[in-house]
């Protein structure tokens, strides 16, 4: 068992802080999300680097990982896009589902 899979699947945010975090994700997705792709325990996102700042993306994900340590994120900033990989351990797929639904709604509205 690796360290990530032994972490409790729980969020430490208060309801108000959770609502604010969701608002931050919605704003980022609405302003800069270009594409998303899902695997069972991973969500891959690509953001427009002209509409999102790498440091802002990293700060948001760092905050998310602090309150939900079972999440892991990697960021690869390239000239064409800021690529994010969000991963959860087996059994925590529902936690990715919400981000995936949010991404799907935003991308569908952009068509």
C-alpha atoms as a PDB file:
ATOM      1  CA  UNK A   1       0.000   0.000   0.000  1.00  0.00           C
ATOM      2  CA  UNK A   2       1.446   3.379  -0.925  1.00  0.00           C
ATOM      3  CA  UNK A   3       1.208   6.523   1.209  1.00  0.00           C
ATOM      4  CA  UNK A   4      -1.492   8.079  -0.966  1.00  0.00           C
ATOM      5  CA  UNK A   5      -3.833   5.103  -0.743  1.00  0.00           C
ATOM      6  CA  UNK A   6      -3.514   5.006   3.050  1.00  0.00           C
ATOM      7  CA  UNK A   7      -4.795   8.571   3.483  1.00  0.00           C
ATOM      8  CA  UNK A   8      -8.345   9.105   4.695  1.00  0.00           C
ATOM      9  CA  UNK A   9     -10.747  10.236   1.982  1.00  0.00           C
ATOM     10  CA  UNK A  10     -12.076  13.298   3.761  1.00  0.00           C
ATOM     11  CA  UNK A  11     -12.056  17.050   3.262  1.00  0.00           C
ATOM     12  CA  UNK A  12     -11.119  19.391   6.108  1.00  0.00           C
ATOM     13  CA  UNK A  13     -12.815  22.530   4.720  1.00  0.00           C
ATOM     14  CA  UNK A  14     -15.708  24.188   6.484  1.00  0.00           C
ATOM     15  CA  UNK A  15     -18.919  24.437   4.422  1.00  0.00           C
ATOM     16  CA  UNK A  16     -18.193  28.121   3.677  1.00  0.00           C
ATOM     17  CA  UNK A  17     -14.614  27.386   2.647  1.00  0.00           C
ATOM     18  CA  UNK A  18     -15.802  24.459   0.517  1.00  0.00           C
ATOM     19  CA  UNK A  19     -18.266  26.733  -1.292  1.00  0.00           C
ATOM     20  CA  UNK A  20     -15.470  29.239  -1.922  1.00  0.00           C
ATOM     21  CA  UNK A  21     -13.172  26.511  -3.255  1.00  0.00           C
ATOM     22  CA  UNK A  22     -15.878  25.329  -5.666  1.00  0.00           C
ATOM     23  CA  UNK A  23     -16.342  28.928  -6.804  1.00  0.00           C
ATOM     24  CA  UNK A  24     -12.590  29.166  -7.503  1.00  0.00           C
ATOM     25  CA  UNK A  25     -12.673  25.963  -9.573  1.00  0.00           C
ATOM     26  CA  UNK A  26     -15.760  27.153 -11.476  1.00  0.00           C
ATOM     27  CA  UNK A  27     -14.086  30.476 -12.292  1.00  0.00           C
ATOM     28  CA  UNK A  28     -10.905  28.777 -13.479  1.00  0.00           C
ATOM     29  CA  UNK A  29     -12.825  26.255 -15.564  1.00  0.00           C
ATOM     30  CA  UNK A  30     -15.125  28.907 -17.077  1.00  0.00           C
ATOM     31  CA  UNK A  31     -12.297  31.240 -18.007  1.00  0.00           C
ATOM     32  CA  UNK A  32      -9.593  28.849 -19.160  1.00  0.00           C
ATOM     33  CA  UNK A  33     -10.549  25.168 -19.467  1.00  0.00           C
ATOM     34  CA  UNK A  34      -9.968  23.809 -22.971  1.00  0.00           C
ATOM     35  CA  UNK A  35     -10.370  20.058 -22.578  1.00  0.00           C
ATOM     36  CA  UNK A  36     -10.698  17.227 -20.098  1.00  0.00           C
ATOM     37  CA  UNK A  37     -10.240  13.485 -20.221  1.00  0.00           C
ATOM     38  CA  UNK A  38     -11.057  10.926 -17.554  1.00  0.00           C
ATOM     39  CA  UNK A  39      -9.575   7.619 -16.546  1.00  0.00           C
ATOM     40  CA  UNK A  40     -10.920   5.708 -13.539  1.00  0.00           C
ATOM     41  CA  UNK A  41      -8.732   7.398 -10.910  1.00  0.00           C
ATOM     42  CA  UNK A  42      -7.327  10.288 -12.959  1.00  0.00           C
ATOM     43  CA  UNK A  43      -8.670  13.444 -14.551  1.00  0.00           C
ATOM     44  CA  UNK A  44      -6.593  15.247 -17.160  1.00  0.00           C
ATOM     45  CA  UNK A  45      -7.305  18.927 -17.780  1.00  0.00           C
ATOM     46  CA  UNK A  46      -5.842  21.439 -20.210  1.00  0.00           C
ATOM     47  CA  UNK A  47      -6.111  25.174 -19.595  1.00  0.00           C
ATOM     48  CA  UNK A  48      -5.493  28.102 -21.922  1.00  0.00           C
ATOM     49  CA  UNK A  49      -2.214  29.671 -20.736  1.00  0.00           C
ATOM     50  CA  UNK A  50      -3.412  33.083 -21.932  1.00  0.00           C
ATOM     51  CA  UNK A  51      -6.508  32.909 -19.715  1.00  0.00           C
ATOM     52  CA  UNK A  52      -4.978  31.285 -16.616  1.00  0.00           C
ATOM     53  CA  UNK A  53      -1.737  31.921 -14.796  1.00  0.00           C
ATOM     54  CA  UNK A  54       0.344  28.883 -13.893  1.00  0.00           C
ATOM     55  CA  UNK A  55       0.924  30.189 -10.356  1.00  0.00           C
ATOM     56  CA  UNK A  56      -2.824  30.632  -9.803  1.00  0.00           C
ATOM     57  CA  UNK A  57      -3.508  27.086 -11.006  1.00  0.00           C
ATOM     58  CA  UNK A  58      -0.759  25.715  -8.766  1.00  0.00           C
ATOM     59  CA  UNK A  59      -2.025  27.718  -5.757  1.00  0.00           C
ATOM     60  CA  UNK A  60      -5.577  26.453  -6.200  1.00  0.00           C
ATOM     61  CA  UNK A  61      -4.413  22.854  -6.484  1.00  0.00           C
ATOM     62  CA  UNK A  62      -2.052  23.221  -3.521  1.00  0.00           C
ATOM     63  CA  UNK A  63      -4.962  24.470  -1.419  1.00  0.00           C
ATOM     64  CA  UNK A  64      -7.101  21.562  -2.579  1.00  0.00           C
ATOM     65  CA  UNK A  65      -4.413  19.054  -1.690  1.00  0.00           C
ATOM     66  CA  UNK A  66      -4.001  20.605   1.766  1.00  0.00           C
ATOM     67  CA  UNK A  67      -7.666  20.074   2.640  1.00  0.00           C
ATOM     68  CA  UNK A  68      -7.989  16.783   0.726  1.00  0.00           C
ATOM     69  CA  UNK A  69      -4.574  15.102   1.044  1.00  0.00           C
ATOM     70  CA  UNK A  70      -5.730  11.978  -0.805  1.00  0.00           C
ATOM     71  CA  UNK A  71      -5.711  14.041  -4.022  1.00  0.00           C
ATOM     72  CA  UNK A  72      -2.495  14.360  -5.967  1.00  0.00           C
ATOM     73  CA  UNK A  73      -1.954  16.914  -8.683  1.00  0.00           C
ATOM     74  CA  UNK A  74       0.739  17.488 -11.239  1.00  0.00           C
ATOM     75  CA  UNK A  75       1.045  20.590 -13.392  1.00  0.00           C
ATOM     76  CA  UNK A  76       2.961  20.817 -16.653  1.00  0.00           C
ATOM     77  CA  UNK A  77       2.969  24.345 -18.046  1.00  0.00           C
ATOM     78  CA  UNK A  78       3.747  24.443 -21.752  1.00  0.00           C
ATOM     79  CA  UNK A  79       3.416  27.305 -24.251  1.00  0.00           C
ATOM     80  CA  UNK A  80       0.307  25.662 -25.750  1.00  0.00           C
ATOM     81  CA  UNK A  81      -1.498  24.778 -22.496  1.00  0.00           C
ATOM     82  CA  UNK A  82      -1.256  24.286 -18.769  1.00  0.00           C
ATOM     83  CA  UNK A  83      -1.788  20.560 -18.289  1.00  0.00           C
ATOM     84  CA  UNK A  84      -3.091  19.239 -14.980  1.00  0.00           C
ATOM     85  CA  UNK A  85      -3.374  15.652 -13.855  1.00  0.00           C
ATOM     86  CA  UNK A  86      -5.595  15.091 -10.815  1.00  0.00           C
ATOM     87  CA  UNK A  87      -5.415  11.636  -9.252  1.00  0.00           C
ATOM     88  CA  UNK A  88      -7.094   9.860  -6.362  1.00  0.00           C
ATOM     89  CA  UNK A  89      -6.549   6.417  -4.850  1.00  0.00           C
ATOM     90  CA  UNK A  90      -8.854   3.500  -5.641  1.00  0.00           C
ATOM     91  CA  UNK A  91     -12.116   3.989  -3.775  1.00  0.00           C
ATOM     92  CA  UNK A  92     -12.053   7.783  -4.023  1.00  0.00           C
ATOM     93  CA  UNK A  93     -13.254   8.073  -7.624  1.00  0.00           C
ATOM     94  CA  UNK A  94     -16.385   9.958  -6.528  1.00  0.00           C
ATOM     95  CA  UNK A  95     -14.121  12.839  -5.536  1.00  0.00           C
ATOM     96  CA  UNK A  96     -12.994  13.167  -9.156  1.00  0.00           C
ATOM     97  CA  UNK A  97     -16.546  12.824 -10.427  1.00  0.00           C
ATOM     98  CA  UNK A  98     -17.520  16.281  -9.227  1.00  0.00           C
ATOM     99  CA  UNK A  99     -14.558  17.936 -10.949  1.00  0.00           C
ATOM    100  CA  UNK A 100     -15.278  15.940 -14.092  1.00  0.00           C
ATOM    101  CA  UNK A 101     -18.963  16.966 -14.102  1.00  0.00           C
ATOM    102  CA  UNK A 102     -17.974  20.597 -13.613  1.00  0.00           C
ATOM    103  CA  UNK A 103     -15.497  20.361 -16.501  1.00  0.00           C
ATOM    104  CA  UNK A 104     -18.034  18.632 -18.740  1.00  0.00           C
ATOM    105  CA  UNK A 105     -20.671  21.304 -18.082  1.00  0.00           C
ATOM    106  CA  UNK A 106     -18.236  24.130 -18.760  1.00  0.00           C
ATOM    107  CA  UNK A 107     -16.929  22.591 -21.980  1.00  0.00           C
ATOM    108  CA  UNK A 108     -20.463  21.808 -23.210  1.00  0.00           C
ATOM    109  CA  UNK A 109     -21.455  25.450 -22.637  1.00  0.00           C
ATOM    110  CA  UNK A 110     -18.492  26.627 -24.735  1.00  0.00           C
ATOM    111  CA  UNK A 111     -19.622  24.692 -27.826  1.00  0.00           C
END
